[in-house]
């Protein structure tokens, strides 16, 4: 189950939010075994943060937490596509879009504990 949260320091309209949701649903498919039906996505707009000592630049910090992909297959193309999405939809320069990947080793859904080591 991938969870992606984007914190942007610009306002995001409902239309932009829907467009980002749709495009990110496609982008997660670039990671083998992942697709929109399992994606959780959060967008925090008007997030206050400073980049390079300046609080005026449009910027984005994204955390992509992905379960069961210890080889990070597809992360490179997913990162490029995600950067392009936020650049196109919100007008954020690619050099101001940062993505942190979290490799999830264990997960719980509906109270069931899932450890990726059990699936090897």
PDB file of N, CA and C in Angstrom:
ATOM      1  N   UNK A   1       0.844  -1.178   0.000  1.00  0.00           N
ATOM      2  CA  UNK A   1       0.000   0.000   0.000  1.00  0.00           C
ATOM      3  C   UNK A   1       0.887   1.239   0.000  1.00  0.00           C
ATOM      4  N   UNK A   2       0.950   1.963  -1.083  1.00  0.00           N
ATOM      5  CA  UNK A   2       1.705   3.204  -1.090  1.00  0.00           C
ATOM      6  C   UNK A   2       0.918   4.341  -0.434  1.00  0.00           C
ATOM      7  N   UNK A   3       1.629   5.160   0.319  1.00  0.00           N
ATOM      8  CA  UNK A   3       1.048   6.382   0.871  1.00  0.00           C
ATOM      9  C   UNK A   3       1.931   7.530   0.446  1.00  0.00           C
ATOM     10  N   UNK A   4       1.336   8.498  -0.208  1.00  0.00           N
ATOM     11  CA  UNK A   4       2.072   9.661  -0.683  1.00  0.00           C
ATOM     12  C   UNK A   4       1.438  10.900  -0.076  1.00  0.00           C
ATOM     13  N   UNK A   5       2.267  11.717   0.549  1.00  0.00           N
ATOM     14  CA  UNK A   5       1.775  12.988   1.077  1.00  0.00           C
ATOM     15  C   UNK A   5       2.641  14.097   0.501  1.00  0.00           C
ATOM     16  N   UNK A   6       1.983  15.096  -0.044  1.00  0.00           N
ATOM     17  CA  UNK A   6       2.678  16.243  -0.627  1.00  0.00           C
ATOM     18  C   UNK A   6       2.352  17.478   0.189  1.00  0.00           C
ATOM     19  N   UNK A   7       3.396  18.170   0.583  1.00  0.00           N
ATOM     20  CA  UNK A   7       3.240  19.439   1.285  1.00  0.00           C
ATOM     21  C   UNK A   7       3.729  20.534   0.346  1.00  0.00           C
ATOM     22  N   UNK A   8       2.815  21.396  -0.037  1.00  0.00           N
ATOM     23  CA  UNK A   8       3.139  22.478  -0.964  1.00  0.00           C
ATOM     24  C   UNK A   8       2.851  23.806  -0.289  1.00  0.00           C
ATOM     25  N   UNK A   9       3.619  24.817  -0.636  1.00  0.00           N
ATOM     26  CA  UNK A   9       3.432  26.119   0.013  1.00  0.00           C
ATOM     27  C   UNK A   9       2.589  27.061  -0.841  1.00  0.00           C
ATOM     28  N   UNK A  10       1.772  26.490  -1.710  1.00  0.00           N
ATOM     29  CA  UNK A  10       0.858  27.276  -2.543  1.00  0.00           C
ATOM     30  C   UNK A  10      -0.564  26.760  -2.329  1.00  0.00           C
ATOM     31  N   UNK A  11      -1.572  27.586  -2.595  1.00  0.00           N
ATOM     32  CA  UNK A  11      -2.943  27.087  -2.509  1.00  0.00           C
ATOM     33  C   UNK A  11      -3.216  26.092  -3.634  1.00  0.00           C
ATOM     34  N   UNK A  12      -4.055  25.103  -3.346  1.00  0.00           N
ATOM     35  CA  UNK A  12      -4.434  24.088  -4.324  1.00  0.00           C
ATOM     36  C   UNK A  12      -5.953  24.093  -4.436  1.00  0.00           C
ATOM     37  N   UNK A  13      -6.453  24.351  -5.630  1.00  0.00           N
ATOM     38  CA  UNK A  13      -7.904  24.347  -5.844  1.00  0.00           C
ATOM     39  C   UNK A  13      -8.417  22.910  -5.891  1.00  0.00           C
ATOM     40  N   UNK A  14      -9.712  22.748  -5.780  1.00  0.00           N
ATOM     41  CA  UNK A  14     -10.325  21.413  -5.878  1.00  0.00           C
ATOM     42  C   UNK A  14     -10.022  20.790  -7.238  1.00  0.00           C
ATOM     43  N   UNK A  15     -10.044  21.601  -8.288  1.00  0.00           N
ATOM     44  CA  UNK A  15      -9.754  21.102  -9.637  1.00  0.00           C
ATOM     45  C   UNK A  15      -8.313  20.606  -9.732  1.00  0.00           C
ATOM     46  N   UNK A  16      -7.380  21.368  -9.175  1.00  0.00           N
ATOM     47  CA  UNK A  16      -5.981  20.956  -9.183  1.00  0.00           C
ATOM     48  C   UNK A  16      -5.788  19.696  -8.345  1.00  0.00           C
ATOM     49  N   UNK A  17      -6.446  19.641  -7.208  1.00  0.00           N
ATOM     50  CA  UNK A  17      -6.354  18.476  -6.343  1.00  0.00           C
ATOM     51  C   UNK A  17      -6.839  17.221  -7.075  1.00  0.00           C
ATOM     52  N   UNK A  18      -7.954  17.337  -7.772  1.00  0.00           N
ATOM     53  CA  UNK A  18      -8.497  16.203  -8.533  1.00  0.00           C
ATOM     54  C   UNK A  18      -7.541  15.797  -9.653  1.00  0.00           C
ATOM     55  N   UNK A  19      -6.964  16.776 -10.331  1.00  0.00           N
ATOM     56  CA  UNK A  19      -6.013  16.473 -11.399  1.00  0.00           C
ATOM     57  C   UNK A  19      -4.775  15.770 -10.849  1.00  0.00           C
ATOM     58  N   UNK A  20      -4.253  16.255  -9.738  1.00  0.00           N
ATOM     59  CA  UNK A  20      -3.094  15.619  -9.102  1.00  0.00           C
ATOM     60  C   UNK A  20      -3.439  14.195  -8.696  1.00  0.00           C
ATOM     61  N   UNK A  21      -4.604  13.998  -8.113  1.00  0.00           N
ATOM     62  CA  UNK A  21      -5.035  12.658  -7.701  1.00  0.00           C
ATOM     63  C   UNK A  21      -5.075  11.704  -8.885  1.00  0.00           C
ATOM     64  N   UNK A  22      -5.644  12.155  -9.981  1.00  0.00           N
ATOM     65  CA  UNK A  22      -5.748  11.312 -11.178  1.00  0.00           C
ATOM     66  C   UNK A  22      -4.373  10.977 -11.742  1.00  0.00           C
ATOM     67  N   UNK A  23      -3.525  11.985 -11.870  1.00  0.00           N
ATOM     68  CA  UNK A  23      -2.192  11.784 -12.437  1.00  0.00           C
ATOM     69  C   UNK A  23      -1.299  10.939 -11.522  1.00  0.00           C
ATOM     70  N   UNK A  24      -1.415  11.133 -10.213  1.00  0.00           N
ATOM     71  CA  UNK A  24      -0.623  10.325  -9.282  1.00  0.00           C
ATOM     72  C   UNK A  24      -1.112   8.877  -9.272  1.00  0.00           C
ATOM     73  N   UNK A  25      -2.404   8.688  -9.513  1.00  0.00           N
ATOM     74  CA  UNK A  25      -2.940   7.332  -9.635  1.00  0.00           C
ATOM     75  C   UNK A  25      -2.291   6.590 -10.785  1.00  0.00           C
ATOM     76  N   UNK A  26      -2.022   7.288 -11.867  1.00  0.00           N
ATOM     77  CA  UNK A  26      -1.319   6.689 -13.013  1.00  0.00           C
ATOM     78  C   UNK A  26       0.169   6.514 -12.707  1.00  0.00           C
ATOM     79  N   UNK A  27       0.763   7.527 -12.074  1.00  0.00           N
ATOM     80  CA  UNK A  27       2.206   7.501 -11.805  1.00  0.00           C
ATOM     81  C   UNK A  27       2.600   6.346 -10.898  1.00  0.00           C
ATOM     82  N   UNK A  28       1.781   6.013  -9.919  1.00  0.00           N
ATOM     83  CA  UNK A  28       2.154   4.928  -8.993  1.00  0.00           C
ATOM     84  C   UNK A  28       2.243   3.597  -9.727  1.00  0.00           C
ATOM     85  N   UNK A  29       1.561   3.490 -10.859  1.00  0.00           N
ATOM     86  CA  UNK A  29       1.653   2.287 -11.675  1.00  0.00           C
ATOM     87  C   UNK A  29       3.028   2.068 -12.285  1.00  0.00           C
ATOM     88  N   UNK A  30       3.892   3.065 -12.241  1.00  0.00           N
ATOM     89  CA  UNK A  30       5.260   2.921 -12.721  1.00  0.00           C
ATOM     90  C   UNK A  30       6.112   2.096 -11.767  1.00  0.00           C
ATOM     91  N   UNK A  31       5.625   1.926 -10.543  1.00  0.00           N
ATOM     92  CA  UNK A  31       6.303   1.086  -9.559  1.00  0.00           C
ATOM     93  C   UNK A  31       5.689  -0.309  -9.678  1.00  0.00           C
ATOM     94  N   UNK A  32       6.496  -1.315  -9.979  1.00  0.00           N
ATOM     95  CA  UNK A  32       5.961  -2.662 -10.179  1.00  0.00           C
ATOM     96  C   UNK A  32       5.092  -3.142  -9.013  1.00  0.00           C
ATOM     97  N   UNK A  33       3.924  -3.668  -9.357  1.00  0.00           N
ATOM     98  CA  UNK A  33       3.011  -4.218  -8.360  1.00  0.00           C
ATOM     99  C   UNK A  33       2.134  -3.197  -7.668  1.00  0.00           C
ATOM    100  N   UNK A  34       2.247  -1.931  -8.036  1.00  0.00           N
ATOM    101  CA  UNK A  34       1.442  -0.885  -7.396  1.00  0.00           C
ATOM    102  C   UNK A  34       0.469  -0.305  -8.405  1.00  0.00           C
ATOM    103  N   UNK A  35      -0.690   0.139  -7.907  1.00  0.00           N
ATOM    104  CA  UNK A  35      -1.668   0.789  -8.776  1.00  0.00           C
ATOM    105  C   UNK A  35      -2.579   1.668  -7.933  1.00  0.00           C
ATOM    106  N   UNK A  36      -3.398   2.443  -8.616  1.00  0.00           N
ATOM    107  CA  UNK A  36      -4.240   3.435  -7.945  1.00  0.00           C
ATOM    108  C   UNK A  36      -5.210   2.822  -6.946  1.00  0.00           C
ATOM    109  N   UNK A  37      -5.622   1.588  -7.163  1.00  0.00           N
ATOM    110  CA  UNK A  37      -6.627   1.002  -6.273  1.00  0.00           C
ATOM    111  C   UNK A  37      -6.107   0.818  -4.846  1.00  0.00           C
ATOM    112  N   UNK A  38      -4.788   0.876  -4.654  1.00  0.00           N
ATOM    113  CA  UNK A  38      -4.216   0.756  -3.310  1.00  0.00           C
ATOM    114  C   UNK A  38      -3.594   2.058  -2.809  1.00  0.00           C
ATOM    115  N   UNK A  39      -3.609   3.080  -3.637  1.00  0.00           N
ATOM    116  CA  UNK A  39      -2.914   4.329  -3.314  1.00  0.00           C
ATOM    117  C   UNK A  39      -3.676   5.172  -2.293  1.00  0.00           C
ATOM    118  N   UNK A  40      -2.954   5.657  -1.293  1.00  0.00           N
ATOM    119  CA  UNK A  40      -3.458   6.692  -0.390  1.00  0.00           C
ATOM    120  C   UNK A  40      -2.652   7.947  -0.702  1.00  0.00           C
ATOM    121  N   UNK A  41      -3.351   9.054  -0.876  1.00  0.00           N
ATOM    122  CA  UNK A  41      -2.700  10.305  -1.267  1.00  0.00           C
ATOM    123  C   UNK A  41      -3.224  11.432  -0.410  1.00  0.00           C
ATOM    124  N   UNK A  42      -2.321  12.227   0.113  1.00  0.00           N
ATOM    125  CA  UNK A  42      -2.702  13.409   0.875  1.00  0.00           C
ATOM    126  C   UNK A  42      -1.993  14.632   0.324  1.00  0.00           C
ATOM    127  N   UNK A  43      -2.691  15.756   0.324  1.00  0.00           N
ATOM    128  CA  UNK A  43      -2.101  17.017  -0.135  1.00  0.00           C
ATOM    129  C   UNK A  43      -2.351  18.070   0.934  1.00  0.00           C
ATOM    130  N   UNK A  44      -1.278  18.638   1.443  1.00  0.00           N
ATOM    131  CA  UNK A  44      -1.365  19.741   2.395  1.00  0.00           C
ATOM    132  C   UNK A  44      -0.935  20.995   1.656  1.00  0.00           C
ATOM    133  N   UNK A  45      -1.878  21.884   1.398  1.00  0.00           N
ATOM    134  CA  UNK A  45      -1.518  23.111   0.684  1.00  0.00           C
ATOM    135  C   UNK A  45      -1.273  24.251   1.665  1.00  0.00           C
ATOM    136  N   UNK A  46      -0.705  25.304   1.147  1.00  0.00           N
ATOM    137  CA  UNK A  46      -0.340  26.486   1.925  1.00  0.00           C
ATOM    138  C   UNK A  46       0.501  26.123   3.152  1.00  0.00           C
ATOM    139  N   UNK A  47       1.336  25.113   2.986  1.00  0.00           N
ATOM    140  CA  UNK A  47       2.242  24.667   4.046  1.00  0.00           C
ATOM    141  C   UNK A  47       3.363  25.692   4.174  1.00  0.00           C
ATOM    142  N   UNK A  48       3.619  26.148   5.369  1.00  0.00           N
ATOM    143  CA  UNK A  48       4.642  27.174   5.573  1.00  0.00           C
ATOM    144  C   UNK A  48       6.002  26.528   5.777  1.00  0.00           C
ATOM    145  N   UNK A  49       6.891  26.755   4.845  1.00  0.00           N
ATOM    146  CA  UNK A  49       8.271  26.336   5.024  1.00  0.00           C
ATOM    147  C   UNK A  49       9.197  27.217   4.196  1.00  0.00           C
ATOM    148  N   UNK A  50      10.461  27.153   4.559  1.00  0.00           N
ATOM    149  CA  UNK A  50      11.487  27.969   3.921  1.00  0.00           C
ATOM    150  C   UNK A  50      12.360  27.055   3.071  1.00  0.00           C
ATOM    151  N   UNK A  51      12.742  27.546   1.902  1.00  0.00           N
ATOM    152  CA  UNK A  51      13.643  26.807   1.022  1.00  0.00           C
ATOM    153  C   UNK A  51      14.799  27.729   0.655  1.00  0.00           C
ATOM    154  N   UNK A  52      16.012  27.277   0.967  1.00  0.00           N
ATOM    155  CA  UNK A  52      17.210  28.074   0.703  1.00  0.00           C
ATOM    156  C   UNK A  52      17.121  29.461   1.337  1.00  0.00           C
ATOM    157  N   UNK A  53      16.512  29.545   2.513  1.00  0.00           N
ATOM    158  CA  UNK A  53      16.389  30.807   3.239  1.00  0.00           C
ATOM    159  C   UNK A  53      15.310  31.726   2.721  1.00  0.00           C
ATOM    160  N   UNK A  54      14.502  31.240   1.780  1.00  0.00           N
ATOM    161  CA  UNK A  54      13.483  32.068   1.148  1.00  0.00           C
ATOM    162  C   UNK A  54      12.117  31.393   1.316  1.00  0.00           C
ATOM    163  N   UNK A  55      11.175  32.114   1.843  1.00  0.00           N
ATOM    164  CA  UNK A  55       9.828  31.579   2.004  1.00  0.00           C
ATOM    165  C   UNK A  55       8.899  31.961   0.870  1.00  0.00           C
ATOM    166  N   UNK A  56       9.425  32.561  -0.188  1.00  0.00           N
ATOM    167  CA  UNK A  56       8.589  33.046  -1.280  1.00  0.00           C
ATOM    168  C   UNK A  56       8.568  32.137  -2.505  1.00  0.00           C
ATOM    169  N   UNK A  57       9.534  31.235  -2.613  1.00  0.00           N
ATOM    170  CA  UNK A  57       9.581  30.337  -3.760  1.00  0.00           C
ATOM    171  C   UNK A  57       8.491  29.272  -3.659  1.00  0.00           C
ATOM    172  N   UNK A  58       7.863  28.951  -4.796  1.00  0.00           N
ATOM    173  CA  UNK A  58       6.950  27.818  -4.812  1.00  0.00           C
ATOM    174  C   UNK A  58       7.779  26.562  -4.575  1.00  0.00           C
ATOM    175  N   UNK A  59       7.321  25.716  -3.654  1.00  0.00           N
ATOM    176  CA  UNK A  59       8.101  24.527  -3.320  1.00  0.00           C
ATOM    177  C   UNK A  59       7.181  23.385  -2.885  1.00  0.00           C
ATOM    178  N   UNK A  60       7.734  22.190  -2.926  1.00  0.00           N
ATOM    179  CA  UNK A  60       6.982  20.969  -2.635  1.00  0.00           C
ATOM    180  C   UNK A  60       7.905  19.968  -1.957  1.00  0.00           C
ATOM    181  N   UNK A  61       7.411  19.369  -0.887  1.00  0.00           N
ATOM    182  CA  UNK A  61       8.120  18.277  -0.212  1.00  0.00           C
ATOM    183  C   UNK A  61       7.167  17.092  -0.197  1.00  0.00           C
ATOM    184  N   UNK A  62       7.584  16.013  -0.814  1.00  0.00           N
ATOM    185  CA  UNK A  62       6.734  14.836  -0.966  1.00  0.00           C
ATOM    186  C   UNK A  62       7.361  13.664  -0.229  1.00  0.00           C
ATOM    187  N   UNK A  63       6.541  12.934   0.510  1.00  0.00           N
ATOM    188  CA  UNK A  63       6.985  11.687   1.122  1.00  0.00           C
ATOM    189  C   UNK A  63       6.228  10.560   0.451  1.00  0.00           C
ATOM    190  N   UNK A  64       6.980   9.619  -0.113  1.00  0.00           N
ATOM    191  CA  UNK A  64       6.386   8.455  -0.760  1.00  0.00           C
ATOM    192  C   UNK A  64       6.774   7.218   0.038  1.00  0.00           C
ATOM    193  N   UNK A  65       5.813   6.675   0.753  1.00  0.00           N
ATOM    194  CA  UNK A  65       6.038   5.479   1.563  1.00  0.00           C
ATOM    195  C   UNK A  65       5.492   4.288   0.793  1.00  0.00           C
ATOM    196  N   UNK A  66       6.387   3.345   0.480  1.00  0.00           N
ATOM    197  CA  UNK A  66       6.005   2.229  -0.377  1.00  0.00           C
ATOM    198  C   UNK A  66       6.413   0.922   0.286  1.00  0.00           C
ATOM    199  N   UNK A  67       5.467   0.000   0.361  1.00  0.00           N
ATOM    200  CA  UNK A  67       5.651  -1.298   1.005  1.00  0.00           C
ATOM    201  C   UNK A  67       6.142  -2.340   0.003  1.00  0.00           C
ATOM    202  N   UNK A  68       7.082  -3.155   0.444  1.00  0.00           N
ATOM    203  CA  UNK A  68       7.453  -4.354  -0.292  1.00  0.00           C
ATOM    204  C   UNK A  68       8.204  -4.139  -1.583  1.00  0.00           C
ATOM    205  N   UNK A  69       9.076  -3.144  -1.638  1.00  0.00           N
ATOM    206  CA  UNK A  69       9.863  -2.914  -2.849  1.00  0.00           C
ATOM    207  C   UNK A  69      11.286  -2.555  -2.435  1.00  0.00           C
ATOM    208  N   UNK A  70      11.958  -3.512  -1.816  1.00  0.00           N
ATOM    209  CA  UNK A  70      13.281  -3.229  -1.257  1.00  0.00           C
ATOM    210  C   UNK A  70      14.335  -2.934  -2.321  1.00  0.00           C
ATOM    211  N   UNK A  71      14.094  -3.332  -3.563  1.00  0.00           N
ATOM    212  CA  UNK A  71      15.027  -3.028  -4.647  1.00  0.00           C
ATOM    213  C   UNK A  71      14.763  -1.655  -5.269  1.00  0.00           C
ATOM    214  N   UNK A  72      13.682  -1.015  -4.848  1.00  0.00           N
ATOM    215  CA  UNK A  72      13.301   0.318  -5.322  1.00  0.00           C
ATOM    216  C   UNK A  72      13.052   0.355  -6.836  1.00  0.00           C
ATOM    217  N   UNK A  73      12.561  -0.738  -7.358  1.00  0.00           N
ATOM    218  CA  UNK A  73      12.249  -0.819  -8.789  1.00  0.00           C
ATOM    219  C   UNK A  73      11.180   0.214  -9.150  1.00  0.00           C
ATOM    220  N   UNK A  74      11.440   0.964 -10.189  1.00  0.00           N
ATOM    221  CA  UNK A  74      10.484   1.954 -10.661  1.00  0.00           C
ATOM    222  C   UNK A  74      10.523   3.287  -9.940  1.00  0.00           C
ATOM    223  N   UNK A  75      11.284   3.394  -8.872  1.00  0.00           N
ATOM    224  CA  UNK A  75      11.314   4.649  -8.115  1.00  0.00           C
ATOM    225  C   UNK A  75      11.838   5.803  -8.965  1.00  0.00           C
ATOM    226  N   UNK A  76      12.803   5.531  -9.838  1.00  0.00           N
ATOM    227  CA  UNK A  76      13.388   6.593 -10.654  1.00  0.00           C
ATOM    228  C   UNK A  76      12.372   7.188 -11.627  1.00  0.00           C
ATOM    229  N   UNK A  77      11.619   6.344 -12.326  1.00  0.00           N
ATOM    230  CA  UNK A  77      10.620   6.868 -13.268  1.00  0.00           C
ATOM    231  C   UNK A  77       9.424   7.463 -12.527  1.00  0.00           C
ATOM    232  N   UNK A  78       9.087   6.898 -11.379  1.00  0.00           N
ATOM    233  CA  UNK A  78       8.019   7.463 -10.551  1.00  0.00           C
ATOM    234  C   UNK A  78       8.413   8.863 -10.079  1.00  0.00           C
ATOM    235  N   UNK A  79       9.657   9.041  -9.646  1.00  0.00           N
ATOM    236  CA  UNK A  79      10.130  10.349  -9.185  1.00  0.00           C
ATOM    237  C   UNK A  79      10.082  11.371 -10.314  1.00  0.00           C
ATOM    238  N   UNK A  80      10.526  10.975 -11.499  1.00  0.00           N
ATOM    239  CA  UNK A  80      10.502  11.895 -12.642  1.00  0.00           C
ATOM    240  C   UNK A  80       9.066  12.282 -12.997  1.00  0.00           C
ATOM    241  N   UNK A  81       8.160  11.319 -13.010  1.00  0.00           N
ATOM    242  CA  UNK A  81       6.760  11.591 -13.351  1.00  0.00           C
ATOM    243  C   UNK A  81       6.090  12.456 -12.282  1.00  0.00           C
ATOM    244  N   UNK A  82       6.355  12.168 -11.027  1.00  0.00           N
ATOM    245  CA  UNK A  82       5.785  12.943  -9.928  1.00  0.00           C
ATOM    246  C   UNK A  82       6.257  14.398  -9.997  1.00  0.00           C
ATOM    247  N   UNK A  83       7.529  14.593 -10.255  1.00  0.00           N
ATOM    248  CA  UNK A  83       8.074  15.944 -10.405  1.00  0.00           C
ATOM    249  C   UNK A  83       7.360  16.674 -11.540  1.00  0.00           C
ATOM    250  N   UNK A  84       7.174  16.007 -12.655  1.00  0.00           N
ATOM    251  CA  UNK A  84       6.499  16.608 -13.802  1.00  0.00           C
ATOM    252  C   UNK A  84       5.054  16.983 -13.462  1.00  0.00           C
ATOM    253  N   UNK A  85       4.364  16.137 -12.703  1.00  0.00           N
ATOM    254  CA  UNK A  85       2.970  16.404 -12.330  1.00  0.00           C
ATOM    255  C   UNK A  85       2.864  17.692 -11.518  1.00  0.00           C
ATOM    256  N   UNK A  86       3.674  17.824 -10.482  1.00  0.00           N
ATOM    257  CA  UNK A  86       3.585  19.009  -9.625  1.00  0.00           C
ATOM    258  C   UNK A  86       4.100  20.258 -10.337  1.00  0.00           C
ATOM    259  N   UNK A  87       5.025  20.077 -11.253  1.00  0.00           N
ATOM    260  CA  UNK A  87       5.498  21.198 -12.064  1.00  0.00           C
ATOM    261  C   UNK A  87       4.375  21.687 -12.976  1.00  0.00           C
ATOM    262  N   UNK A  88       3.721  20.777 -13.677  1.00  0.00           N
ATOM    263  CA  UNK A  88       2.663  21.153 -14.621  1.00  0.00           C
ATOM    264  C   UNK A  88       1.425  21.699 -13.925  1.00  0.00           C
ATOM    265  N   UNK A  89       0.956  21.010 -12.896  1.00  0.00           N
ATOM    266  CA  UNK A  89      -0.320  21.375 -12.277  1.00  0.00           C
ATOM    267  C   UNK A  89      -0.200  22.614 -11.392  1.00  0.00           C
ATOM    268  N   UNK A  90       0.894  22.727 -10.637  1.00  0.00           N
ATOM    269  CA  UNK A  90       1.017  23.824  -9.676  1.00  0.00           C
ATOM    270  C   UNK A  90       2.080  24.850 -10.047  1.00  0.00           C
ATOM    271  N   UNK A  91       2.805  24.625 -11.114  1.00  0.00           N
ATOM    272  CA  UNK A  91       3.814  25.583 -11.538  1.00  0.00           C
ATOM    273  C   UNK A  91       5.030  25.658 -10.642  1.00  0.00           C
ATOM    274  N   UNK A  92       5.349  24.553  -9.974  1.00  0.00           N
ATOM    275  CA  UNK A  92       6.523  24.512  -9.100  1.00  0.00           C
ATOM    276  C   UNK A  92       7.727  24.070  -9.932  1.00  0.00           C
ATOM    277  N   UNK A  93       8.818  24.800  -9.829  1.00  0.00           N
ATOM    278  CA  UNK A  93      10.030  24.456 -10.571  1.00  0.00           C
ATOM    279  C   UNK A  93      10.574  23.108 -10.099  1.00  0.00           C
ATOM    280  N   UNK A  94      11.032  22.275 -11.035  1.00  0.00           N
ATOM    281  CA  UNK A  94      11.541  20.958 -10.655  1.00  0.00           C
ATOM    282  C   UNK A  94      12.617  20.995  -9.563  1.00  0.00           C
ATOM    283  N   UNK A  95      13.473  22.020  -9.577  1.00  0.00           N
ATOM    284  CA  UNK A  95      14.533  22.077  -8.554  1.00  0.00           C
ATOM    285  C   UNK A  95      13.979  22.385  -7.160  1.00  0.00           C
ATOM    286  N   UNK A  96      12.697  22.740  -7.079  1.00  0.00           N
ATOM    287  CA  UNK A  96      12.053  23.009  -5.786  1.00  0.00           C
ATOM    288  C   UNK A  96      11.105  21.889  -5.372  1.00  0.00           C
ATOM    289  N   UNK A  97      11.195  20.758  -6.053  1.00  0.00           N
ATOM    290  CA  UNK A  97      10.366  19.589  -5.716  1.00  0.00           C
ATOM    291  C   UNK A  97      11.292  18.515  -5.167  1.00  0.00           C
ATOM    292  N   UNK A  98      11.060  18.162  -3.923  1.00  0.00           N
ATOM    293  CA  UNK A  98      11.894  17.171  -3.230  1.00  0.00           C
ATOM    294  C   UNK A  98      11.036  15.974  -2.855  1.00  0.00           C
ATOM    295  N   UNK A  99      11.543  14.780  -3.113  1.00  0.00           N
ATOM    296  CA  UNK A  99      10.801  13.549  -2.814  1.00  0.00           C
ATOM    297  C   UNK A  99      11.645  12.686  -1.887  1.00  0.00           C
ATOM    298  N   UNK A 100      11.054  12.314  -0.776  1.00  0.00           N
ATOM    299  CA  UNK A 100      11.688  11.399   0.169  1.00  0.00           C
ATOM    300  C   UNK A 100      10.979  10.055   0.054  1.00  0.00           C
ATOM    301  N   UNK A 101      11.733   8.996  -0.129  1.00  0.00           N
ATOM    302  CA  UNK A 101      11.159   7.656  -0.199  1.00  0.00           C
ATOM    303  C   UNK A 101      11.357   6.952   1.125  1.00  0.00           C
ATOM    304  N   UNK A 102      10.279   6.370   1.629  1.00  0.00           N
ATOM    305  CA  UNK A 102      10.338   5.535   2.821  1.00  0.00           C
ATOM    306  C   UNK A 102      10.059   4.109   2.399  1.00  0.00           C
ATOM    307  N   UNK A 103      10.970   3.226   2.745  1.00  0.00           N
ATOM    308  CA  UNK A 103      10.844   1.805   2.436  1.00  0.00           C
ATOM    309  C   UNK A 103      10.121   1.128   3.604  1.00  0.00           C
ATOM    310  N   UNK A 104       8.867   0.807   3.398  1.00  0.00           N
ATOM    311  CA  UNK A 104       8.068   0.220   4.479  1.00  0.00           C
ATOM    312  C   UNK A 104       8.333  -1.282   4.546  1.00  0.00           C
ATOM    313  N   UNK A 105       8.785  -1.741   5.697  1.00  0.00           N
ATOM    314  CA  UNK A 105       9.082  -3.161   5.894  1.00  0.00           C
ATOM    315  C   UNK A 105       7.896  -3.920   6.482  1.00  0.00           C
ATOM    316  N   UNK A 106       7.071  -3.213   7.243  1.00  0.00           N
ATOM    317  CA  UNK A 106       5.905  -3.846   7.865  1.00  0.00           C
ATOM    318  C   UNK A 106       4.745  -2.868   7.809  1.00  0.00           C
ATOM    319  N   UNK A 107       3.526  -3.421   7.807  1.00  0.00           N
ATOM    320  CA  UNK A 107       2.334  -2.626   7.569  1.00  0.00           C
ATOM    321  C   UNK A 107       1.178  -3.290   8.286  1.00  0.00           C
ATOM    322  N   UNK A 108       0.168  -2.537   8.596  1.00  0.00           N
ATOM    323  CA  UNK A 108      -1.057  -3.114   9.150  1.00  0.00           C
ATOM    324  C   UNK A 108      -2.243  -2.515   8.410  1.00  0.00           C
ATOM    325  N   UNK A 109      -3.135  -3.376   7.976  1.00  0.00           N
ATOM    326  CA  UNK A 109      -4.360  -2.951   7.309  1.00  0.00           C
ATOM    327  C   UNK A 109      -5.516  -3.699   7.943  1.00  0.00           C
ATOM    328  N   UNK A 110      -6.519  -2.988   8.379  1.00  0.00           N
ATOM    329  CA  UNK A 110      -7.678  -3.631   8.992  1.00  0.00           C
ATOM    330  C   UNK A 110      -7.338  -4.447  10.222  1.00  0.00           C
ATOM    331  N   UNK A 111      -6.269  -4.071  10.906  1.00  0.00           N
ATOM    332  CA  UNK A 111      -5.854  -4.774  12.110  1.00  0.00           C
ATOM    333  C   UNK A 111      -4.946  -5.956  11.854  1.00  0.00           C
ATOM    334  N   UNK A 112      -4.721  -6.313  10.586  1.00  0.00           N
ATOM    335  CA  UNK A 112      -3.837  -7.437  10.254  1.00  0.00           C
ATOM    336  C   UNK A 112      -2.414  -6.922  10.041  1.00  0.00           C
ATOM    337  N   UNK A 113      -1.467  -7.553  10.695  1.00  0.00           N
ATOM    338  CA  UNK A 113      -0.060  -7.178  10.573  1.00  0.00           C
ATOM    339  C   UNK A 113       0.543  -7.893   9.368  1.00  0.00           C
ATOM    340  N   UNK A 114       1.240  -7.123   8.521  1.00  0.00           N
ATOM    341  CA  UNK A 114       1.856  -7.682   7.319  1.00  0.00           C
ATOM    342  C   UNK A 114       3.335  -7.326   7.347  1.00  0.00           C
ATOM    343  N   UNK A 115       4.183  -8.341   7.300  1.00  0.00           N
ATOM    344  CA  UNK A 115       5.633  -8.157   7.294  1.00  0.00           C
ATOM    345  C   UNK A 115       6.153  -8.644   5.946  1.00  0.00           C
ATOM    346  N   UNK A 116       6.882  -7.810   5.227  1.00  0.00           N
ATOM    347  CA  UNK A 116       7.321  -8.219   3.894  1.00  0.00           C
ATOM    348  C   UNK A 116       8.259  -9.412   3.917  1.00  0.00           C
ATOM    349  N   UNK A 117       8.928  -9.661   5.033  1.00  0.00           N
ATOM    350  CA  UNK A 117       9.815 -10.805   5.126  1.00  0.00           C
ATOM    351  C   UNK A 117       9.067 -12.149   5.046  1.00  0.00           C
ATOM    352  N   UNK A 118       7.787 -12.126   5.332  1.00  0.00           N
ATOM    353  CA  UNK A 118       6.980 -13.353   5.243  1.00  0.00           C
ATOM    354  C   UNK A 118       6.667 -13.740   3.802  1.00  0.00           C
ATOM    355  N   UNK A 119       6.873 -12.795   2.877  1.00  0.00           N
ATOM    356  CA  UNK A 119       6.505 -13.045   1.479  1.00  0.00           C
ATOM    357  C   UNK A 119       7.699 -13.352   0.592  1.00  0.00           C
ATOM    358  N   UNK A 120       8.816 -13.669   1.172  1.00  0.00           N
ATOM    359  CA  UNK A 120      10.025 -13.973   0.379  1.00  0.00           C
ATOM    360  C   UNK A 120      10.069 -15.424   0.020  1.00  0.00           C
TER     361      UNK A 120
END
